[in-house]
PDB file of N, CA and C in Angstrom:
ATOM      1  N   UNK A   1       0.852  -1.175   0.000  1.00  0.00           N
ATOM      2  CA  UNK A   1       0.000   0.000   0.000  1.00  0.00           C
ATOM      3  C   UNK A   1       0.897   1.237   0.000  1.00  0.00           C
ATOM      4  N   UNK A   2       0.727   2.113  -0.965  1.00  0.00           N
ATOM      5  CA  UNK A   2       1.565   3.310  -1.024  1.00  0.00           C
ATOM      6  C   UNK A   2       1.285   4.254   0.142  1.00  0.00           C
ATOM      7  N   UNK A   3       2.318   4.917   0.572  1.00  0.00           N
ATOM      8  CA  UNK A   3       2.185   5.878   1.669  1.00  0.00           C
ATOM      9  C   UNK A   3       2.066   7.286   1.095  1.00  0.00           C
ATOM     10  N   UNK A   4       1.194   8.068   1.688  1.00  0.00           N
ATOM     11  CA  UNK A   4       1.080   9.469   1.326  1.00  0.00           C
ATOM     12  C   UNK A   4       1.666  10.272   2.472  1.00  0.00           C
ATOM     13  N   UNK A   5       2.665  11.071   2.158  1.00  0.00           N
ATOM     14  CA  UNK A   5       3.378  11.825   3.177  1.00  0.00           C
ATOM     15  C   UNK A   5       3.177  13.301   2.928  1.00  0.00           C
ATOM     16  N   UNK A   6       2.846  14.020   3.996  1.00  0.00           N
ATOM     17  CA  UNK A   6       2.701  15.466   3.896  1.00  0.00           C
ATOM     18  C   UNK A   6       4.031  16.152   4.130  1.00  0.00           C
ATOM     19  N   UNK A   7       3.998  17.298   4.739  1.00  0.00           N
ATOM     20  CA  UNK A   7       5.213  18.056   5.019  1.00  0.00           C
ATOM     21  C   UNK A   7       6.049  17.347   6.082  1.00  0.00           C
ATOM     22  N   UNK A   8       7.349  17.361   5.900  1.00  0.00           N
ATOM     23  CA  UNK A   8       8.272  16.711   6.826  1.00  0.00           C
ATOM     24  C   UNK A   8       9.335  17.712   7.236  1.00  0.00           C
ATOM     25  N   UNK A   9       9.578  17.799   8.544  1.00  0.00           N
ATOM     26  CA  UNK A   9      10.651  18.660   9.054  1.00  0.00           C
ATOM     27  C   UNK A   9      11.604  17.781   9.850  1.00  0.00           C
ATOM     28  N   UNK A  10      12.870  17.742   9.460  1.00  0.00           N
ATOM     29  CA  UNK A  10      13.879  16.958  10.150  1.00  0.00           C
ATOM     30  C   UNK A  10      14.776  17.921  10.911  1.00  0.00           C
ATOM     31  N   UNK A  11      14.791  17.796  12.240  1.00  0.00           N
ATOM     32  CA  UNK A  11      15.641  18.655  13.052  1.00  0.00           C
ATOM     33  C   UNK A  11      17.034  18.076  13.226  1.00  0.00           C
ATOM     34  N   UNK A  12      17.122  16.752  13.417  1.00  0.00           N
ATOM     35  CA  UNK A  12      18.414  16.148  13.687  1.00  0.00           C
ATOM     36  C   UNK A  12      18.358  14.665  13.326  1.00  0.00           C
ATOM     37  N   UNK A  13      19.414  14.170  12.717  1.00  0.00           N
ATOM     38  CA  UNK A  13      19.576  12.745  12.468  1.00  0.00           C
ATOM     39  C   UNK A  13      20.954  12.381  12.989  1.00  0.00           C
ATOM     40  N   UNK A  14      20.989  11.592  14.064  1.00  0.00           N
ATOM     41  CA  UNK A  14      22.274  11.250  14.670  1.00  0.00           C
ATOM     42  C   UNK A  14      22.892  10.036  13.988  1.00  0.00           C
ATOM     43  N   UNK A  15      24.057   9.625  14.474  1.00  0.00           N
ATOM     44  CA  UNK A  15      24.804   8.574  13.792  1.00  0.00           C
ATOM     45  C   UNK A  15      24.156   7.200  13.907  1.00  0.00           C
ATOM     46  N   UNK A  16      23.329   6.958  14.913  1.00  0.00           N
ATOM     47  CA  UNK A  16      22.717   5.637  15.066  1.00  0.00           C
ATOM     48  C   UNK A  16      21.213   5.674  14.820  1.00  0.00           C
ATOM     49  N   UNK A  17      20.747   6.602  14.009  1.00  0.00           N
ATOM     50  CA  UNK A  17      19.314   6.702  13.754  1.00  0.00           C
ATOM     51  C   UNK A  17      18.995   6.370  12.299  1.00  0.00           C
ATOM     52  N   UNK A  18      17.704   6.192  12.046  1.00  0.00           N
ATOM     53  CA  UNK A  18      17.215   5.868  10.706  1.00  0.00           C
ATOM     54  C   UNK A  18      16.170   6.902  10.318  1.00  0.00           C
ATOM     55  N   UNK A  19      16.268   7.409   9.100  1.00  0.00           N
ATOM     56  CA  UNK A  19      15.270   8.344   8.583  1.00  0.00           C
ATOM     57  C   UNK A  19      14.672   7.735   7.325  1.00  0.00           C
ATOM     58  N   UNK A  20      13.370   7.538   7.320  1.00  0.00           N
ATOM     59  CA  UNK A  20      12.712   6.911   6.185  1.00  0.00           C
ATOM     60  C   UNK A  20      11.408   7.628   5.910  1.00  0.00           C
ATOM     61  N   UNK A  21      11.098   7.829   4.640  1.00  0.00           N
ATOM     62  CA  UNK A  21       9.808   8.376   4.229  1.00  0.00           C
ATOM     63  C   UNK A  21       9.203   7.375   3.258  1.00  0.00           C
ATOM     64  N   UNK A  22       8.012   6.904   3.564  1.00  0.00           N
ATOM     65  CA  UNK A  22       7.332   5.966   2.678  1.00  0.00           C
ATOM     66  C   UNK A  22       7.225   4.588   3.300  1.00  0.00           C
ATOM     67  N   UNK A  23       6.934   3.612   2.454  1.00  0.00           N
ATOM     68  CA  UNK A  23       6.751   2.237   2.920  1.00  0.00           C
ATOM     69  C   UNK A  23       8.083   1.611   3.288  1.00  0.00           C
ATOM     70  N   UNK A  24       8.047   0.772   4.312  1.00  0.00           N
ATOM     71  CA  UNK A  24       9.259   0.083   4.743  1.00  0.00           C
ATOM     72  C   UNK A  24       8.859  -1.255   5.347  1.00  0.00           C
ATOM     73  N   UNK A  25       9.675  -2.277   5.106  1.00  0.00           N
ATOM     74  CA  UNK A  25       9.394  -3.601   5.660  1.00  0.00           C
ATOM     75  C   UNK A  25       9.967  -3.735   7.067  1.00  0.00           C
ATOM     76  N   UNK A  26      11.223  -3.407   7.240  1.00  0.00           N
ATOM     77  CA  UNK A  26      11.861  -3.508   8.553  1.00  0.00           C
ATOM     78  C   UNK A  26      12.954  -2.464   8.668  1.00  0.00           C
ATOM     79  N   UNK A  27      13.076  -1.867   9.848  1.00  0.00           N
ATOM     80  CA  UNK A  27      14.136  -0.902  10.126  1.00  0.00           C
ATOM     81  C   UNK A  27      14.845  -1.345  11.398  1.00  0.00           C
ATOM     82  N   UNK A  28      16.163  -1.452  11.345  1.00  0.00           N
ATOM     83  CA  UNK A  28      16.943  -1.932  12.483  1.00  0.00           C
ATOM     84  C   UNK A  28      18.151  -1.037  12.725  1.00  0.00           C
ATOM     85  N   UNK A  29      18.027  -0.009  13.554  1.00  0.00           N
ATOM     86  CA  UNK A  29      19.208   0.805  13.860  1.00  0.00           C
ATOM     87  C   UNK A  29      20.184   0.008  14.726  1.00  0.00           C
ATOM     88  N   UNK A  30      21.470   0.207  14.499  1.00  0.00           N
ATOM     89  CA  UNK A  30      22.495  -0.546  15.218  1.00  0.00           C
ATOM     90  C   UNK A  30      23.510   0.431  15.787  1.00  0.00           C
ATOM     91  N   UNK A  31      23.805   0.288  17.061  1.00  0.00           N
ATOM     92  CA  UNK A  31      24.858   1.090  17.677  1.00  0.00           C
ATOM     93  C   UNK A  31      25.428   0.325  18.857  1.00  0.00           C
ATOM     94  N   UNK A  32      26.616   0.696  19.271  1.00  0.00           N
ATOM     95  CA  UNK A  32      27.227   0.070  20.435  1.00  0.00           C
ATOM     96  C   UNK A  32      28.059   1.116  21.167  1.00  0.00           C
ATOM     97  N   UNK A  33      28.211   0.919  22.464  1.00  0.00           N
ATOM     98  CA  UNK A  33      28.983   1.859  23.286  1.00  0.00           C
ATOM     99  C   UNK A  33      29.590   1.111  24.456  1.00  0.00           C
ATOM    100  N   UNK A  34      30.700   1.627  24.930  1.00  0.00           N
ATOM    101  CA  UNK A  34      31.363   1.055  26.098  1.00  0.00           C
ATOM    102  C   UNK A  34      31.633   2.203  27.076  1.00  0.00           C
ATOM    103  N   UNK A  35      31.215   2.039  28.305  1.00  0.00           N
ATOM    104  CA  UNK A  35      31.345   3.091  29.296  1.00  0.00           C
ATOM    105  C   UNK A  35      32.141   2.599  30.485  1.00  0.00           C
ATOM    106  N   UNK A  36      33.126   3.370  30.878  1.00  0.00           N
ATOM    107  CA  UNK A  36      33.901   3.086  32.081  1.00  0.00           C
ATOM    108  C   UNK A  36      33.654   4.203  33.083  1.00  0.00           C
ATOM    109  N   UNK A  37      33.399   3.831  34.330  1.00  0.00           N
ATOM    110  CA  UNK A  37      33.161   4.844  35.346  1.00  0.00           C
ATOM    111  C   UNK A  37      33.626   4.323  36.699  1.00  0.00           C
ATOM    112  N   UNK A  38      34.093   5.222  37.513  1.00  0.00           N
ATOM    113  CA  UNK A  38      34.567   4.854  38.837  1.00  0.00           C
ATOM    114  C   UNK A  38      33.452   4.864  39.855  1.00  0.00           C
ATOM    115  N   UNK A  39      33.801   4.651  41.105  1.00  0.00           N
ATOM    116  CA  UNK A  39      32.821   4.618  42.183  1.00  0.00           C
ATOM    117  C   UNK A  39      32.130   5.965  42.355  1.00  0.00           C
ATOM    118  N   UNK A  40      30.815   5.948  42.510  1.00  0.00           N
ATOM    119  CA  UNK A  40      30.049   7.171  42.712  1.00  0.00           C
ATOM    120  C   UNK A  40      29.760   7.939  41.447  1.00  0.00           C
ATOM    121  N   UNK A  41      29.934   7.354  40.281  1.00  0.00           N
ATOM    122  CA  UNK A  41      29.775   8.095  39.030  1.00  0.00           C
ATOM    123  C   UNK A  41      28.321   8.296  38.625  1.00  0.00           C
ATOM    124  N   UNK A  42      27.471   7.303  38.833  1.00  0.00           N
ATOM    125  CA  UNK A  42      26.094   7.375  38.335  1.00  0.00           C
ATOM    126  C   UNK A  42      25.071   7.571  39.445  1.00  0.00           C
ATOM    127  N   UNK A  43      25.445   8.187  40.539  1.00  0.00           N
ATOM    128  CA  UNK A  43      24.506   8.437  41.629  1.00  0.00           C
ATOM    129  C   UNK A  43      23.596   9.603  41.274  1.00  0.00           C
ATOM    130  N   UNK A  44      22.301   9.443  41.567  1.00  0.00           N
ATOM    131  CA  UNK A  44      21.345  10.527  41.343  1.00  0.00           C
ATOM    132  C   UNK A  44      20.485  10.668  42.586  1.00  0.00           C
ATOM    133  N   UNK A  45      19.984  11.853  42.816  1.00  0.00           N
ATOM    134  CA  UNK A  45      19.109  12.072  43.960  1.00  0.00           C
ATOM    135  C   UNK A  45      19.410  13.396  44.625  1.00  0.00           C
ATOM    136  N   UNK A  46      18.660  13.680  45.695  1.00  0.00           N
ATOM    137  CA  UNK A  46      18.833  14.927  46.436  1.00  0.00           C
ATOM    138  C   UNK A  46      19.634  14.666  47.704  1.00  0.00           C
ATOM    139  N   UNK A  47      20.555  15.531  48.005  1.00  0.00           N
ATOM    140  CA  UNK A  47      21.310  15.461  49.255  1.00  0.00           C
ATOM    141  C   UNK A  47      22.244  14.267  49.353  1.00  0.00           C
ATOM    142  N   UNK A  48      22.928  13.939  48.304  1.00  0.00           N
ATOM    143  CA  UNK A  48      23.853  12.808  48.336  1.00  0.00           C
ATOM    144  C   UNK A  48      25.154  13.199  49.020  1.00  0.00           C
ATOM    145  N   UNK A  49      25.687  12.278  49.791  1.00  0.00           N
ATOM    146  CA  UNK A  49      27.024  12.440  50.363  1.00  0.00           C
ATOM    147  C   UNK A  49      27.840  11.231  49.943  1.00  0.00           C
ATOM    148  N   UNK A  50      28.826  11.480  49.144  1.00  0.00           N
ATOM    149  CA  UNK A  50      29.663  10.403  48.647  1.00  0.00           C
ATOM    150  C   UNK A  50      31.085  10.669  49.105  1.00  0.00           C
ATOM    151  N   UNK A  51      31.643   9.725  49.835  1.00  0.00           N
ATOM    152  CA  UNK A  51      32.992   9.884  50.355  1.00  0.00           C
ATOM    153  C   UNK A  51      33.846   8.734  49.830  1.00  0.00           C
ATOM    154  N   UNK A  52      34.649   9.026  48.848  1.00  0.00           N
ATOM    155  CA  UNK A  52      35.552   8.037  48.284  1.00  0.00           C
ATOM    156  C   UNK A  52      36.975   8.513  48.548  1.00  0.00           C
ATOM    157  N   UNK A  53      37.645   7.851  49.456  1.00  0.00           N
ATOM    158  CA  UNK A  53      39.000   8.306  49.771  1.00  0.00           C
ATOM    159  C   UNK A  53      39.936   8.099  48.588  1.00  0.00           C
ATOM    160  N   UNK A  54      39.912   6.926  47.977  1.00  0.00           N
ATOM    161  CA  UNK A  54      40.677   6.677  46.758  1.00  0.00           C
ATOM    162  C   UNK A  54      39.828   5.803  45.839  1.00  0.00           C
ATOM    163  N   UNK A  55      39.533   6.330  44.672  1.00  0.00           N
ATOM    164  CA  UNK A  55      38.740   5.585  43.709  1.00  0.00           C
ATOM    165  C   UNK A  55      39.508   5.503  42.403  1.00  0.00           C
ATOM    166  N   UNK A  56      39.815   4.303  41.973  1.00  0.00           N
ATOM    167  CA  UNK A  56      40.540   4.090  40.724  1.00  0.00           C
ATOM    168  C   UNK A  56      39.743   3.162  39.826  1.00  0.00           C
ATOM    169  N   UNK A  57      39.733   3.457  38.547  1.00  0.00           N
ATOM    170  CA  UNK A  57      39.099   2.586  37.565  1.00  0.00           C
ATOM    171  C   UNK A  57      40.183   2.114  36.603  1.00  0.00           C
ATOM    172  N   UNK A  58      40.512   0.845  36.690  1.00  0.00           N
ATOM    173  CA  UNK A  58      41.523   0.259  35.812  1.00  0.00           C
ATOM    174  C   UNK A  58      40.821  -0.484  34.690  1.00  0.00           C
ATOM    175  N   UNK A  59      41.197  -0.188  33.467  1.00  0.00           N
ATOM    176  CA  UNK A  59      40.553  -0.797  32.313  1.00  0.00           C
ATOM    177  C   UNK A  59      41.617  -1.516  31.492  1.00  0.00           C
ATOM    178  N   UNK A  60      41.455  -2.817  31.361  1.00  0.00           N
ATOM    179  CA  UNK A  60      42.316  -3.603  30.477  1.00  0.00           C
ATOM    180  C   UNK A  60      41.418  -4.584  29.743  1.00  0.00           C
ATOM    181  N   UNK A  61      41.278  -4.385  28.460  1.00  0.00           N
ATOM    182  CA  UNK A  61      40.415  -5.226  27.635  1.00  0.00           C
ATOM    183  C   UNK A  61      41.284  -5.919  26.613  1.00  0.00           C
ATOM    184  N   UNK A  62      41.632  -7.178  26.870  1.00  0.00           N
ATOM    185  CA  UNK A  62      42.594  -7.863  26.011  1.00  0.00           C
ATOM    186  C   UNK A  62      42.026  -8.269  24.660  1.00  0.00           C
ATOM    187  N   UNK A  63      40.692  -8.436  24.535  1.00  0.00           N
ATOM    188  CA  UNK A  63      40.149  -8.842  23.243  1.00  0.00           C
ATOM    189  C   UNK A  63      39.681  -7.669  22.391  1.00  0.00           C
ATOM    190  N   UNK A  64      39.570  -6.482  22.908  1.00  0.00           N
ATOM    191  CA  UNK A  64      39.228  -5.242  22.211  1.00  0.00           C
ATOM    192  C   UNK A  64      37.819  -5.217  21.620  1.00  0.00           C
ATOM    193  N   UNK A  65      37.218  -6.345  21.303  1.00  0.00           N
ATOM    194  CA  UNK A  65      35.883  -6.370  20.699  1.00  0.00           C
ATOM    195  C   UNK A  65      34.972  -7.181  21.606  1.00  0.00           C
ATOM    196  N   UNK A  66      34.024  -6.524  22.250  1.00  0.00           N
ATOM    197  CA  UNK A  66      33.107  -7.210  23.143  1.00  0.00           C
ATOM    198  C   UNK A  66      31.853  -7.697  22.423  1.00  0.00           C
ATOM    199  N   UNK A  67      31.265  -6.826  21.625  1.00  0.00           N
ATOM    200  CA  UNK A  67      30.044  -7.161  20.909  1.00  0.00           C
ATOM    201  C   UNK A  67      30.089  -6.484  19.551  1.00  0.00           C
ATOM    202  N   UNK A  68      30.552  -7.171  18.519  1.00  0.00           N
ATOM    203  CA  UNK A  68      30.697  -6.520  17.214  1.00  0.00           C
ATOM    204  C   UNK A  68      29.349  -6.121  16.606  1.00  0.00           C
ATOM    205  N   UNK A  69      29.353  -5.035  15.892  1.00  0.00           N
ATOM    206  CA  UNK A  69      28.155  -4.538  15.216  1.00  0.00           C
ATOM    207  C   UNK A  69      28.306  -4.768  13.721  1.00  0.00           C
ATOM    208  N   UNK A  70      27.367  -5.482  13.162  1.00  0.00           N
ATOM    209  CA  UNK A  70      27.451  -5.753  11.726  1.00  0.00           C
ATOM    210  C   UNK A  70      26.124  -5.458  11.047  1.00  0.00           C
TER     211      UNK A  70
END
């Protein structure tokens, strides 16, 4: 079934997004990311007290590829 599309305004298309106008069978955006963070990095809330005398994040990834994107 043909699609009828009116006016389209695109504000932003990022690197892991898909932009399509019209009929489509399947759309599969693919992206991957690796995040390293030390103690107390992702805390959220009101009135937090975080006391880390020494916090170290050691990163050694011997295989370099955890989850390949194809």
